[in-house]
PDB file of all heavy atoms in Angstrom:
ATOM      1  N   MET A   1       0.848  -1.164   0.044  1.00  0.00           N
ATOM      2  CA  MET A   1      -0.038   0.020  -0.005  1.00  0.00           C
ATOM      3  C   MET A   1       0.860   1.288   0.023  1.00  0.00           C
ATOM      4  O   MET A   1       2.011   1.157   0.441  1.00  0.00           O
ATOM      5  CB  MET A   1      -0.901  -0.026   1.237  1.00  0.00           C
ATOM      6  CG  MET A   1      -1.724  -1.189   1.448  1.00  0.00           C
ATOM      7  SD  MET A   1      -3.194  -1.283   0.463  1.00  0.00           S
ATOM      8  CE  MET A   1      -4.202  -0.142   1.387  1.00  0.00           C
ATOM      9  N   GLU A   2       0.368   2.369  -0.504  1.00  0.00           N
ATOM     10  CA  GLU A   2       1.095   3.646  -0.451  1.00  0.00           C
ATOM     11  C   GLU A   2       0.162   4.793  -0.202  1.00  0.00           C
ATOM     12  O   GLU A   2      -0.956   4.819  -0.595  1.00  0.00           O
ATOM     13  CB  GLU A   2       1.918   3.789  -1.726  1.00  0.00           C
ATOM     14  CG  GLU A   2       1.171   4.092  -2.952  1.00  0.00           C
ATOM     15  CD  GLU A   2       2.108   4.301  -4.106  1.00  0.00           C
ATOM     16  OE1 GLU A   2       3.226   3.772  -4.183  1.00  0.00           O
ATOM     17  OE2 GLU A   2       1.736   5.139  -5.050  1.00  0.00           O
ATOM     18  N   VAL A   3       0.714   5.883   0.321  1.00  0.00           N
ATOM     19  CA  VAL A   3       0.041   7.113   0.607  1.00  0.00           C
ATOM     20  C   VAL A   3       0.886   8.180  -0.018  1.00  0.00           C
ATOM     21  O   VAL A   3       2.016   8.384   0.524  1.00  0.00           O
ATOM     22  CB  VAL A   3      -0.311   7.265   2.002  1.00  0.00           C
ATOM     23  CG1 VAL A   3      -1.015   8.662   2.254  1.00  0.00           C
ATOM     24  CG2 VAL A   3      -1.249   6.165   2.570  1.00  0.00           C
ATOM     25  N   ASP A   4       0.300   9.037  -0.793  1.00  0.00           N
ATOM     26  CA  ASP A   4       1.091  10.278  -1.332  1.00  0.00           C
ATOM     27  C   ASP A   4       0.780  11.429  -0.361  1.00  0.00           C
ATOM     28  O   ASP A   4      -0.433  11.820  -0.186  1.00  0.00           O
ATOM     29  CB  ASP A   4       0.520  10.500  -2.699  1.00  0.00           C
ATOM     30  CG  ASP A   4       1.391  11.528  -3.433  1.00  0.00           C
ATOM     31  OD1 ASP A   4       2.043  12.380  -2.759  1.00  0.00           O
ATOM     32  OD2 ASP A   4       1.483  11.540  -4.680  1.00  0.00           O
ATOM     33  N   ILE A   5       1.767  11.914   0.312  1.00  0.00           N
ATOM     34  CA  ILE A   5       1.519  12.980   1.292  1.00  0.00           C
ATOM     35  C   ILE A   5       1.878  14.329   0.755  1.00  0.00           C
ATOM     36  O   ILE A   5       1.897  15.300   1.476  1.00  0.00           O
ATOM     37  CB  ILE A   5       2.306  12.720   2.633  1.00  0.00           C
ATOM     38  CG1 ILE A   5       3.828  12.683   2.266  1.00  0.00           C
ATOM     39  CG2 ILE A   5       1.918  11.392   3.204  1.00  0.00           C
ATOM     40  CD1 ILE A   5       4.662  12.564   3.499  1.00  0.00           C
ATOM     41  N   ARG A   6       2.025  14.504  -0.545  1.00  0.00           N
ATOM     42  CA  ARG A   6       2.196  15.842  -1.061  1.00  0.00           C
ATOM     43  C   ARG A   6       0.927  16.652  -0.980  1.00  0.00           C
ATOM     44  O   ARG A   6      -0.137  16.084  -0.832  1.00  0.00           O
ATOM     45  CB  ARG A   6       2.641  15.729  -2.558  1.00  0.00           C
ATOM     46  CG  ARG A   6       4.010  15.223  -2.811  1.00  0.00           C
ATOM     47  CD  ARG A   6       4.275  15.069  -4.332  1.00  0.00           C
ATOM     48  NE  ARG A   6       3.328  14.088  -4.898  1.00  0.00           N
ATOM     49  CZ  ARG A   6       3.182  13.991  -6.294  1.00  0.00           C
ATOM     50  NH1 ARG A   6       3.814  14.735  -7.099  1.00  0.00           N
ATOM     51  NH2 ARG A   6       2.329  13.076  -6.708  1.00  0.00           N
ATOM     52  N   PRO A   7       1.043  17.962  -1.087  1.00  0.00           N
ATOM     53  CA  PRO A   7      -0.205  18.781  -1.066  1.00  0.00           C
ATOM     54  C   PRO A   7      -1.090  18.395  -2.339  1.00  0.00           C
ATOM     55  O   PRO A   7      -0.593  17.935  -3.266  1.00  0.00           O
ATOM     56  CB  PRO A   7       0.400  20.209  -1.327  1.00  0.00           C
ATOM     57  CG  PRO A   7       1.684  20.148  -0.736  1.00  0.00           C
ATOM     58  CD  PRO A   7       2.280  18.826  -1.059  1.00  0.00           C
ATOM     59  N   ASP A   8      -2.381  18.562  -2.120  1.00  0.00           N
ATOM     60  CA  ASP A   8      -3.340  18.113  -3.113  1.00  0.00           C
ATOM     61  C   ASP A   8      -2.986  18.736  -4.544  1.00  0.00           C
ATOM     62  O   ASP A   8      -3.054  18.006  -5.464  1.00  0.00           O
ATOM     63  CB  ASP A   8      -4.796  18.554  -2.715  1.00  0.00           C
ATOM     64  CG  ASP A   8      -5.176  17.954  -1.385  1.00  0.00           C
ATOM     65  OD1 ASP A   8      -4.773  16.801  -1.153  1.00  0.00           O
ATOM     66  OD2 ASP A   8      -5.884  18.609  -0.624  1.00  0.00           O
ATOM     67  N   ALA A   9      -2.755  19.939  -4.579  1.00  0.00           N
ATOM     68  CA  ALA A   9      -2.485  20.613  -5.892  1.00  0.00           C
ATOM     69  C   ALA A   9      -1.236  19.954  -6.514  1.00  0.00           C
ATOM     70  O   ALA A   9      -1.210  19.723  -7.755  1.00  0.00           O
ATOM     71  CB  ALA A   9      -2.271  22.110  -5.772  1.00  0.00           C
ATOM     72  N   ASP A  10      -0.237  19.673  -5.802  1.00  0.00           N
ATOM     73  CA  ASP A  10       0.985  19.062  -6.313  1.00  0.00           C
ATOM     74  C   ASP A  10       0.712  17.669  -6.906  1.00  0.00           C
ATOM     75  O   ASP A  10       1.331  17.322  -7.948  1.00  0.00           O
ATOM     76  CB  ASP A  10       2.026  19.010  -5.232  1.00  0.00           C
ATOM     77  CG  ASP A  10       2.533  20.365  -4.754  1.00  0.00           C
ATOM     78  OD1 ASP A  10       1.671  21.192  -4.412  1.00  0.00           O
ATOM     79  OD2 ASP A  10       3.722  20.646  -4.792  1.00  0.00           O
ATOM     80  N   ILE A  11      -0.105  16.907  -6.217  1.00  0.00           N
ATOM     81  CA  ILE A  11      -0.432  15.606  -6.794  1.00  0.00           C
ATOM     82  C   ILE A  11      -1.155  15.699  -8.069  1.00  0.00           C
ATOM     83  O   ILE A  11      -0.822  14.983  -9.054  1.00  0.00           O
ATOM     84  CB  ILE A  11      -1.373  14.790  -5.736  1.00  0.00           C
ATOM     85  CG1 ILE A  11      -0.576  14.623  -4.401  1.00  0.00           C
ATOM     86  CG2 ILE A  11      -1.853  13.496  -6.326  1.00  0.00           C
ATOM     87  CD1 ILE A  11      -1.366  13.911  -3.349  1.00  0.00           C
ATOM     88  N   LEU A  12      -2.209  16.559  -8.156  1.00  0.00           N
ATOM     89  CA  LEU A  12      -2.951  16.725  -9.364  1.00  0.00           C
ATOM     90  C   LEU A  12      -2.099  17.240 -10.498  1.00  0.00           C
ATOM     91  O   LEU A  12      -2.079  16.778 -11.635  1.00  0.00           O
ATOM     92  CB  LEU A  12      -4.095  17.602  -9.222  1.00  0.00           C
ATOM     93  CG  LEU A  12      -5.395  17.076  -8.451  1.00  0.00           C
ATOM     94  CD1 LEU A  12      -6.409  18.161  -8.218  1.00  0.00           C
ATOM     95  CD2 LEU A  12      -5.967  15.993  -9.275  1.00  0.00           C
ATOM     96  N   ALA A  13      -1.285  18.210 -10.168  1.00  0.00           N
ATOM     97  CA  ALA A  13      -0.344  18.733 -11.259  1.00  0.00           C
ATOM     98  C   ALA A  13       0.628  17.742 -11.774  1.00  0.00           C
ATOM     99  O   ALA A  13       0.879  17.657 -12.970  1.00  0.00           O
ATOM    100  CB  ALA A  13       0.400  19.947 -10.661  1.00  0.00           C
ATOM    101  N   GLY A  14       1.133  16.907 -10.844  1.00  0.00           N
ATOM    102  CA  GLY A  14       1.979  15.871 -11.316  1.00  0.00           C
ATOM    103  C   GLY A  14       1.417  14.875 -12.220  1.00  0.00           C
ATOM    104  O   GLY A  14       2.017  14.435 -13.264  1.00  0.00           O
ATOM    105  N   ARG A  15       0.180  14.527 -11.946  1.00  0.00           N
ATOM    106  CA  ARG A  15      -0.518  13.585 -12.876  1.00  0.00           C
ATOM    107  C   ARG A  15      -0.803  14.223 -14.212  1.00  0.00           C
ATOM    108  O   ARG A  15      -0.655  13.562 -15.225  1.00  0.00           O
ATOM    109  CB  ARG A  15      -1.877  13.257 -12.226  1.00  0.00           C
ATOM    110  CG  ARG A  15      -1.795  12.422 -11.020  1.00  0.00           C
ATOM    111  CD  ARG A  15      -3.188  12.037 -10.409  1.00  0.00           C
ATOM    112  NE  ARG A  15      -3.045  11.220  -9.219  1.00  0.00           N
ATOM    113  CZ  ARG A  15      -4.116  10.910  -8.456  1.00  0.00           C
ATOM    114  NH1 ARG A  15      -5.360  11.157  -8.914  1.00  0.00           N
ATOM    115  NH2 ARG A  15      -4.003  10.245  -7.419  1.00  0.00           N
ATOM    116  N   MET A  16      -1.221  15.528 -14.251  1.00  0.00           N
ATOM    117  CA  MET A  16      -1.494  16.199 -15.533  1.00  0.00           C
ATOM    118  C   MET A  16      -0.166  16.300 -16.321  1.00  0.00           C
ATOM    119  O   MET A  16      -0.223  16.126 -17.614  1.00  0.00           O
ATOM    120  CB  MET A  16      -2.078  17.564 -15.268  1.00  0.00           C
ATOM    121  CG  MET A  16      -3.516  17.536 -14.807  1.00  0.00           C
ATOM    122  SD  MET A  16      -4.662  16.553 -15.849  1.00  0.00           S
ATOM    123  CE  MET A  16      -4.335  17.244 -17.445  1.00  0.00           C
ATOM    124  N   ARG A  17       0.905  16.590 -15.651  1.00  0.00           N
ATOM    125  CA  ARG A  17       2.180  16.740 -16.518  1.00  0.00           C
ATOM    126  C   ARG A  17       2.605  15.423 -17.143  1.00  0.00           C
ATOM    127  O   ARG A  17       3.077  15.327 -18.215  1.00  0.00           O
ATOM    128  CB  ARG A  17       3.329  17.195 -15.546  1.00  0.00           C
ATOM    129  CG  ARG A  17       3.220  18.676 -15.197  1.00  0.00           C
ATOM    130  CD  ARG A  17       4.508  19.215 -14.623  1.00  0.00           C
ATOM    131  NE  ARG A  17       4.804  18.622 -13.378  1.00  0.00           N
ATOM    132  CZ  ARG A  17       4.530  19.135 -12.144  1.00  0.00           C
ATOM    133  NH1 ARG A  17       3.922  20.320 -12.116  1.00  0.00           N
ATOM    134  NH2 ARG A  17       4.804  18.513 -11.007  1.00  0.00           N
ATOM    135  N   LYS A  18       2.292  14.210 -16.394  1.00  0.00           N
ATOM    136  CA  LYS A  18       2.608  13.025 -16.903  1.00  0.00           C
ATOM    137  C   LYS A  18       1.701  12.693 -18.177  1.00  0.00           C
ATOM    138  O   LYS A  18       2.166  12.183 -19.185  1.00  0.00           O
ATOM    139  CB  LYS A  18       2.314  11.871 -15.939  1.00  0.00           C
ATOM    140  CG  LYS A  18       3.429  11.783 -14.879  1.00  0.00           C
ATOM    141  CD  LYS A  18       3.135  10.654 -13.903  1.00  0.00           C
ATOM    142  CE  LYS A  18       4.279  10.565 -12.839  1.00  0.00           C
ATOM    143  NZ  LYS A  18       4.034   9.498 -11.845  1.00  0.00           N
ATOM    144  N   ILE A  19       0.407  13.126 -18.069  1.00  0.00           N
ATOM    145  CA  ILE A  19      -0.535  12.903 -19.209  1.00  0.00           C
ATOM    146  C   ILE A  19      -0.002  13.735 -20.435  1.00  0.00           C
ATOM    147  O   ILE A  19       0.055  13.212 -21.539  1.00  0.00           O
ATOM    148  CB  ILE A  19      -1.931  13.279 -18.850  1.00  0.00           C
ATOM    149  CG1 ILE A  19      -2.473  12.308 -17.839  1.00  0.00           C
ATOM    150  CG2 ILE A  19      -2.849  13.333 -20.059  1.00  0.00           C
ATOM    151  CD1 ILE A  19      -3.831  12.650 -17.255  1.00  0.00           C
ATOM    152  N   TRP A  20       0.316  14.983 -20.151  1.00  0.00           N
ATOM    153  CA  TRP A  20       0.747  15.869 -21.277  1.00  0.00           C
ATOM    154  C   TRP A  20       2.030  15.303 -21.935  1.00  0.00           C
ATOM    155  O   TRP A  20       2.217  15.337 -23.137  1.00  0.00           O
ATOM    156  CB  TRP A  20       0.961  17.266 -20.783  1.00  0.00           C
ATOM    157  CG  TRP A  20      -0.288  17.976 -20.412  1.00  0.00           C
ATOM    158  CD1 TRP A  20      -1.617  17.648 -20.714  1.00  0.00           C
ATOM    159  CD2 TRP A  20      -0.403  19.156 -19.635  1.00  0.00           C
ATOM    160  NE1 TRP A  20      -2.473  18.559 -20.185  1.00  0.00           N
ATOM    161  CE2 TRP A  20      -1.800  19.482 -19.557  1.00  0.00           C
ATOM    162  CE3 TRP A  20       0.486  20.064 -19.085  1.00  0.00           C
ATOM    163  CZ2 TRP A  20      -2.251  20.608 -18.855  1.00  0.00           C
ATOM    164  CZ3 TRP A  20       0.039  21.111 -18.367  1.00  0.00           C
ATOM    165  CH2 TRP A  20      -1.387  21.432 -18.315  1.00  0.00           C
ATOM    166  N   ALA A  21       2.975  14.838 -21.072  1.00  0.00           N
ATOM    167  CA  ALA A  21       4.205  14.352 -21.607  1.00  0.00           C
ATOM    168  C   ALA A  21       3.944  13.024 -22.452  1.00  0.00           C
ATOM    169  O   ALA A  21       4.627  12.871 -23.505  1.00  0.00           O
ATOM    170  CB  ALA A  21       5.181  13.883 -20.436  1.00  0.00           C
ATOM    171  N   SER A  22       3.009  12.219 -22.032  1.00  0.00           N
ATOM    172  CA  SER A  22       2.701  10.933 -22.769  1.00  0.00           C
ATOM    173  C   SER A  22       2.032  11.324 -24.051  1.00  0.00           C
ATOM    174  O   SER A  22       2.111  10.516 -25.057  1.00  0.00           O
ATOM    175  CB  SER A  22       1.780  10.069 -21.909  1.00  0.00           C
ATOM    176  OG  SER A  22       0.490  10.591 -21.863  1.00  0.00           O
ATOM    177  N   GLU A  23       1.398  12.452 -24.168  1.00  0.00           N
ATOM    178  CA  GLU A  23       0.734  12.876 -25.442  1.00  0.00           C
ATOM    179  C   GLU A  23       1.568  13.830 -26.268  1.00  0.00           C
ATOM    180  O   GLU A  23       1.060  14.422 -27.274  1.00  0.00           O
ATOM    181  CB  GLU A  23      -0.639  13.467 -25.025  1.00  0.00           C
ATOM    182  CG  GLU A  23      -1.621  12.584 -24.404  1.00  0.00           C
ATOM    183  CD  GLU A  23      -2.934  13.140 -24.050  1.00  0.00           C
ATOM    184  OE1 GLU A  23      -2.998  14.419 -24.069  1.00  0.00           O
ATOM    185  OE2 GLU A  23      -3.876  12.464 -23.747  1.00  0.00           O
ATOM    186  N   GLY A  24       2.763  14.132 -25.783  1.00  0.00           N
ATOM    187  CA  GLY A  24       3.558  15.061 -26.568  1.00  0.00           C
ATOM    188  C   GLY A  24       3.209  16.508 -26.395  1.00  0.00           C
ATOM    189  O   GLY A  24       3.498  17.256 -27.334  1.00  0.00           O
ATOM    190  N   LEU A  25       2.491  16.900 -25.349  1.00  0.00           N
ATOM    191  CA  LEU A  25       1.966  18.241 -25.173  1.00  0.00           C
ATOM    192  C   LEU A  25       3.005  19.029 -24.275  1.00  0.00           C
ATOM    193  O   LEU A  25       3.417  18.544 -23.218  1.00  0.00           O
ATOM    194  CB  LEU A  25       0.677  18.271 -24.556  1.00  0.00           C
ATOM    195  CG  LEU A  25      -0.485  17.669 -25.405  1.00  0.00           C
ATOM    196  CD1 LEU A  25      -1.736  17.646 -24.582  1.00  0.00           C
ATOM    197  CD2 LEU A  25      -0.681  18.507 -26.597  1.00  0.00           C
ATOM    198  N   ALA A  26       3.308  20.244 -24.754  1.00  0.00           N
ATOM    199  CA  ALA A  26       4.185  21.071 -23.971  1.00  0.00           C
ATOM    200  C   ALA A  26       3.337  21.802 -22.891  1.00  0.00           C
ATOM    201  O   ALA A  26       2.121  21.898 -22.980  1.00  0.00           O
ATOM    202  CB  ALA A  26       4.928  22.132 -24.893  1.00  0.00           C
TER     203      ALA A  26
END
């Protein structure tokens, strides 16, 4: 099991950056 303890905004932003990177979006 794991728990991400970063601030909420940082978690969401990290996920979006991964999506953009996988789609080749700057």
